[in-house]
Amino acid sequence: MNIKMIVTDLDGTLLLHDKTVSAYTTSIFKRCRDVGIKIVFATARPVRAVKKWLNIEVQSDAYVYHNGAVIYLGDELYQEIGIEYRTVHDLLETAKKTRKYKNCSGN
Protein backbone atom coordinates (compact mmCIF):
# COMPACT_ATOMS: atom_id res chain seq x y z
CA MET A 1 0.00 0.00 0.00
CA ASN A 2 1.35 3.41 -0.96
CA ILE A 3 -0.13 5.98 1.46
CA LYS A 4 -0.03 9.52 0.07
CA MET A 5 -2.09 11.45 2.63
CA ILE A 6 -3.50 11.21 6.13
CA VAL A 7 -6.61 13.28 6.86
CA THR A 8 -7.76 13.33 10.46
CA ASP A 9 -10.60 14.89 12.35
CA LEU A 10 -9.66 16.67 15.56
CA ASP A 11 -12.23 16.27 18.34
CA GLY A 12 -12.59 12.70 19.49
CA THR A 13 -9.99 11.51 16.98
CA LEU A 14 -6.63 13.29 17.04
CA LEU A 15 -6.97 15.45 20.13
CA LEU A 16 -6.84 14.22 23.69
CA HIS A 17 -9.50 15.37 26.18
CA ASP A 18 -7.42 18.47 27.01
CA LYS A 19 -7.19 19.45 23.30
CA THR A 20 -3.53 18.42 22.99
CA VAL A 21 -1.80 15.90 20.76
CA SER A 22 0.27 13.18 22.38
CA ALA A 23 4.04 13.08 21.89
CA TYR A 24 3.64 9.64 20.32
CA THR A 25 1.16 10.90 17.72
CA THR A 26 3.37 13.89 16.99
CA SER A 27 6.34 11.57 16.40
CA ILE A 28 4.27 9.40 14.03
CA PHE A 29 3.20 12.45 12.02
CA LYS A 30 6.82 13.58 11.78
CA ARG A 31 7.86 10.14 10.49
CA CYS A 32 5.04 10.23 7.94
CA ARG A 33 6.04 13.65 6.66
CA ASP A 34 9.69 12.51 6.45
CA VAL A 35 8.66 9.87 3.91
CA GLY A 36 6.47 12.28 1.92
CA ILE A 37 3.02 11.56 3.33
CA LYS A 38 0.83 14.67 3.40
CA ILE A 39 -0.93 15.56 6.68
CA VAL A 40 -4.34 17.28 6.69
CA PHE A 41 -6.36 18.32 9.75
CA ALA A 42 -10.13 18.55 9.25
CA THR A 43 -12.82 19.84 11.57
CA ALA A 44 -16.28 21.34 11.75
CA ARG A 45 -14.84 24.05 13.98
CA PRO A 46 -14.10 27.58 12.75
CA VAL A 47 -10.53 28.76 12.23
CA ARG A 48 -10.44 30.87 15.41
CA ALA A 49 -11.48 27.92 17.57
CA VAL A 50 -8.73 25.70 16.23
CA LYS A 51 -5.72 27.97 15.90
CA LYS A 52 -5.77 28.85 19.60
CA TRP A 53 -5.21 25.26 20.74
CA LEU A 54 -3.90 23.27 17.78
CA ASN A 55 -0.23 23.87 18.41
CA ILE A 56 1.67 20.72 17.61
CA GLU A 57 5.16 20.43 16.25
CA VAL A 58 4.00 18.93 12.95
CA GLN A 59 3.40 21.17 10.00
CA SER A 60 0.13 20.35 8.29
CA ASP A 61 -0.08 20.45 4.52
CA ALA A 62 -3.69 21.60 4.68
CA TYR A 63 -6.44 22.52 7.12
CA VAL A 64 -10.15 22.02 6.49
CA TYR A 65 -12.46 24.12 8.70
CA HIS A 66 -16.23 24.61 8.93
CA ASN A 67 -16.91 21.16 7.42
CA GLY A 68 -15.07 22.17 4.25
CA ALA A 69 -16.32 25.74 3.87
CA VAL A 70 -12.80 27.07 4.58
CA ILE A 71 -9.66 25.34 3.35
CA TYR A 72 -6.05 26.40 3.80
CA LEU A 73 -3.15 24.87 1.92
CA GLY A 74 -0.36 25.48 4.39
CA ASP A 75 -0.89 29.09 5.49
CA GLU A 76 -2.57 30.17 2.24
CA LEU A 77 -6.35 30.44 1.96
CA TYR A 78 -7.47 28.10 -0.82
CA GLN A 79 -11.26 28.20 -0.51
CA GLU A 80 -13.81 30.12 1.50
CA ILE A 81 -17.51 29.57 0.98
CA GLY A 82 -19.78 31.63 3.17
CA ILE A 83 -23.33 32.82 3.40
CA GLU A 84 -23.88 36.41 2.35
CA TYR A 85 -24.84 38.84 5.10
CA ARG A 86 -28.17 39.68 3.43
CA THR A 87 -29.18 36.00 3.37
CA VAL A 88 -28.37 35.54 7.07
CA HIS A 89 -30.24 38.75 7.92
CA ASP A 90 -33.33 37.64 5.97
CA LEU A 91 -33.29 34.20 7.60
CA LEU A 92 -33.07 35.69 11.09
CA GLU A 93 -35.86 38.16 10.37
CA THR A 94 -38.11 35.36 9.11
CA ALA A 95 -37.32 33.29 12.19
CA LYS A 96 -38.19 36.21 14.48
CA LYS A 97 -41.53 36.65 12.75
CA THR A 98 -42.42 33.00 13.29
CA ARG A 99 -41.58 33.31 17.01
CA LYS A 100 -39.14 30.39 16.80
CA TYR A 101 -36.17 32.63 17.48
CA LYS A 102 -35.38 34.99 20.34
CA ASN A 103 -32.27 37.07 20.56
CA CYS A 104 -30.14 37.16 23.68
CA SER A 105 -32.13 40.03 25.17
CA GLY A 106 -35.30 37.89 25.08
CA ASN A 107 -37.03 39.92 22.36
C-alpha atoms as a PDB file:
ATOM      1  CA  MET A   1       0.000   0.000   0.000  1.00  0.00           C
ATOM      2  CA  ASN A   2       1.352   3.413  -0.959  1.00  0.00           C
ATOM      3  CA  ILE A   3      -0.127   5.979   1.455  1.00  0.00           C
ATOM      4  CA  LYS A   4      -0.034   9.523   0.075  1.00  0.00           C
ATOM      5  CA  MET A   5      -2.085  11.452   2.630  1.00  0.00           C
ATOM      6  CA  ILE A   6      -3.503  11.214   6.132  1.00  0.00           C
ATOM      7  CA  VAL A   7      -6.606  13.284   6.856  1.00  0.00           C
ATOM      8  CA  THR A   8      -7.755  13.330  10.461  1.00  0.00           C
ATOM      9  CA  ASP A   9     -10.595  14.892  12.353  1.00  0.00           C
ATOM     10  CA  LEU A  10      -9.661  16.669  15.559  1.00  0.00           C
ATOM     11  CA  ASP A  11     -12.230  16.271  18.341  1.00  0.00           C
ATOM     12  CA  GLY A  12     -12.592  12.699  19.491  1.00  0.00           C
ATOM     13  CA  THR A  13      -9.993  11.506  16.982  1.00  0.00           C
ATOM     14  CA  LEU A  14      -6.634  13.293  17.038  1.00  0.00           C
ATOM     15  CA  LEU A  15      -6.966  15.445  20.131  1.00  0.00           C
ATOM     16  CA  LEU A  16      -6.840  14.215  23.689  1.00  0.00           C
ATOM     17  CA  HIS A  17      -9.498  15.365  26.176  1.00  0.00           C
ATOM     18  CA  ASP A  18      -7.418  18.467  27.009  1.00  0.00           C
ATOM     19  CA  LYS A  19      -7.187  19.452  23.301  1.00  0.00           C
ATOM     20  CA  THR A  20      -3.533  18.420  22.995  1.00  0.00           C
ATOM     21  CA  VAL A  21      -1.802  15.904  20.760  1.00  0.00           C
ATOM     22  CA  SER A  22       0.274  13.177  22.379  1.00  0.00           C
ATOM     23  CA  ALA A  23       4.041  13.078  21.892  1.00  0.00           C
ATOM     24  CA  TYR A  24       3.640   9.635  20.318  1.00  0.00           C
ATOM     25  CA  THR A  25       1.156  10.899  17.720  1.00  0.00           C
ATOM     26  CA  THR A  26       3.374  13.893  16.988  1.00  0.00           C
ATOM     27  CA  SER A  27       6.336  11.566  16.396  1.00  0.00           C
ATOM     28  CA  ILE A  28       4.272   9.397  14.026  1.00  0.00           C
ATOM     29  CA  PHE A  29       3.197  12.451  12.019  1.00  0.00           C
ATOM     30  CA  LYS A  30       6.818  13.580  11.777  1.00  0.00           C
ATOM     31  CA  ARG A  31       7.855  10.144  10.487  1.00  0.00           C
ATOM     32  CA  CYS A  32       5.039  10.227   7.935  1.00  0.00           C
ATOM     33  CA  ARG A  33       6.045  13.648   6.657  1.00  0.00           C
ATOM     34  CA  ASP A  34       9.686  12.512   6.450  1.00  0.00           C
ATOM     35  CA  VAL A  35       8.661   9.873   3.908  1.00  0.00           C
ATOM     36  CA  GLY A  36       6.470  12.280   1.919  1.00  0.00           C
ATOM     37  CA  ILE A  37       3.021  11.555   3.327  1.00  0.00           C
ATOM     38  CA  LYS A  38       0.826  14.671   3.399  1.00  0.00           C
ATOM     39  CA  ILE A  39      -0.927  15.565   6.684  1.00  0.00           C
ATOM     40  CA  VAL A  40      -4.337  17.283   6.695  1.00  0.00           C
ATOM     41  CA  PHE A  41      -6.356  18.325   9.746  1.00  0.00           C
ATOM     42  CA  ALA A  42     -10.126  18.550   9.246  1.00  0.00           C
ATOM     43  CA  THR A  43     -12.822  19.838  11.574  1.00  0.00           C
ATOM     44  CA  ALA A  44     -16.280  21.336  11.752  1.00  0.00           C
ATOM     45  CA  ARG A  45     -14.839  24.050  13.984  1.00  0.00           C
ATOM     46  CA  PRO A  46     -14.102  27.577  12.750  1.00  0.00           C
ATOM     47  CA  VAL A  47     -10.533  28.756  12.229  1.00  0.00           C
ATOM     48  CA  ARG A  48     -10.445  30.873  15.405  1.00  0.00           C
ATOM     49  CA  ALA A  49     -11.478  27.923  17.574  1.00  0.00           C
ATOM     50  CA  VAL A  50      -8.726  25.698  16.226  1.00  0.00           C
ATOM     51  CA  LYS A  51      -5.720  27.971  15.905  1.00  0.00           C
ATOM     52  CA  LYS A  52      -5.771  28.852  19.600  1.00  0.00           C
ATOM     53  CA  TRP A  53      -5.211  25.258  20.742  1.00  0.00           C
ATOM     54  CA  LEU A  54      -3.901  23.273  17.777  1.00  0.00           C
ATOM     55  CA  ASN A  55      -0.227  23.867  18.409  1.00  0.00           C
ATOM     56  CA  ILE A  56       1.673  20.722  17.605  1.00  0.00           C
ATOM     57  CA  GLU A  57       5.158  20.428  16.250  1.00  0.00           C
ATOM     58  CA  VAL A  58       3.996  18.925  12.953  1.00  0.00           C
ATOM     59  CA  GLN A  59       3.395  21.173   9.996  1.00  0.00           C
ATOM     60  CA  SER A  60       0.126  20.350   8.293  1.00  0.00           C
ATOM     61  CA  ASP A  61      -0.082  20.455   4.519  1.00  0.00           C
ATOM     62  CA  ALA A  62      -3.689  21.602   4.681  1.00  0.00           C
ATOM     63  CA  TYR A  63      -6.436  22.520   7.121  1.00  0.00           C
ATOM     64  CA  VAL A  64     -10.151  22.019   6.495  1.00  0.00           C
ATOM     65  CA  TYR A  65     -12.459  24.120   8.697  1.00  0.00           C
ATOM     66  CA  HIS A  66     -16.234  24.609   8.929  1.00  0.00           C
ATOM     67  CA  ASN A  67     -16.914  21.158   7.416  1.00  0.00           C
ATOM     68  CA  GLY A  68     -15.072  22.169   4.249  1.00  0.00           C
ATOM     69  CA  ALA A  69     -16.315  25.741   3.874  1.00  0.00           C
ATOM     70  CA  VAL A  70     -12.799  27.075   4.582  1.00  0.00           C
ATOM     71  CA  ILE A  71      -9.661  25.344   3.345  1.00  0.00           C
ATOM     72  CA  TYR A  72      -6.054  26.397   3.803  1.00  0.00           C
ATOM     73  CA  LEU A  73      -3.147  24.870   1.924  1.00  0.00           C
ATOM     74  CA  GLY A  74      -0.362  25.484   4.394  1.00  0.00           C
ATOM     75  CA  ASP A  75      -0.887  29.087   5.491  1.00  0.00           C
ATOM     76  CA  GLU A  76      -2.566  30.173   2.243  1.00  0.00           C
ATOM     77  CA  LEU A  77      -6.346  30.440   1.960  1.00  0.00           C
ATOM     78  CA  TYR A  78      -7.469  28.101  -0.815  1.00  0.00           C
ATOM     79  CA  GLN A  79     -11.260  28.197  -0.506  1.00  0.00           C
ATOM     80  CA  GLU A  80     -13.814  30.118   1.504  1.00  0.00           C
ATOM     81  CA  ILE A  81     -17.507  29.572   0.981  1.00  0.00           C
ATOM     82  CA  GLY A  82     -19.776  31.634   3.170  1.00  0.00           C
ATOM     83  CA  ILE A  83     -23.335  32.822   3.403  1.00  0.00           C
ATOM     84  CA  GLU A  84     -23.877  36.410   2.350  1.00  0.00           C
ATOM     85  CA  TYR A  85     -24.843  38.839   5.101  1.00  0.00           C
ATOM     86  CA  ARG A  86     -28.169  39.676   3.429  1.00  0.00           C
ATOM     87  CA  THR A  87     -29.175  36.000   3.366  1.00  0.00           C
ATOM     88  CA  VAL A  88     -28.373  35.544   7.066  1.00  0.00           C
ATOM     89  CA  HIS A  89     -30.243  38.750   7.918  1.00  0.00           C
ATOM     90  CA  ASP A  90     -33.327  37.643   5.972  1.00  0.00           C
ATOM     91  CA  LEU A  91     -33.293  34.197   7.596  1.00  0.00           C
ATOM     92  CA  LEU A  92     -33.072  35.689  11.088  1.00  0.00           C
ATOM     93  CA  GLU A  93     -35.862  38.161  10.365  1.00  0.00           C
ATOM     94  CA  THR A  94     -38.105  35.362   9.112  1.00  0.00           C
ATOM     95  CA  ALA A  95     -37.319  33.289  12.191  1.00  0.00           C
ATOM     96  CA  LYS A  96     -38.185  36.205  14.484  1.00  0.00           C
ATOM     97  CA  LYS A  97     -41.533  36.647  12.752  1.00  0.00           C
ATOM     98  CA  THR A  98     -42.415  33.005  13.285  1.00  0.00           C
ATOM     99  CA  ARG A  99     -41.579  33.305  17.008  1.00  0.00           C
ATOM    100  CA  LYS A 100     -39.141  30.387  16.803  1.00  0.00           C
ATOM    101  CA  TYR A 101     -36.167  32.627  17.482  1.00  0.00           C
ATOM    102  CA  LYS A 102     -35.378  34.989  20.339  1.00  0.00           C
ATOM    103  CA  ASN A 103     -32.266  37.068  20.564  1.00  0.00           C
ATOM    104  CA  CYS A 104     -30.139  37.160  23.679  1.00  0.00           C
ATOM    105  CA  SER A 105     -32.134  40.034  25.170  1.00  0.00           C
ATOM    106  CA  GLY A 106     -35.298  37.887  25.079  1.00  0.00           C
ATOM    107  CA  ASN A 107     -37.031  39.924  22.363  1.00  0.00           C
END
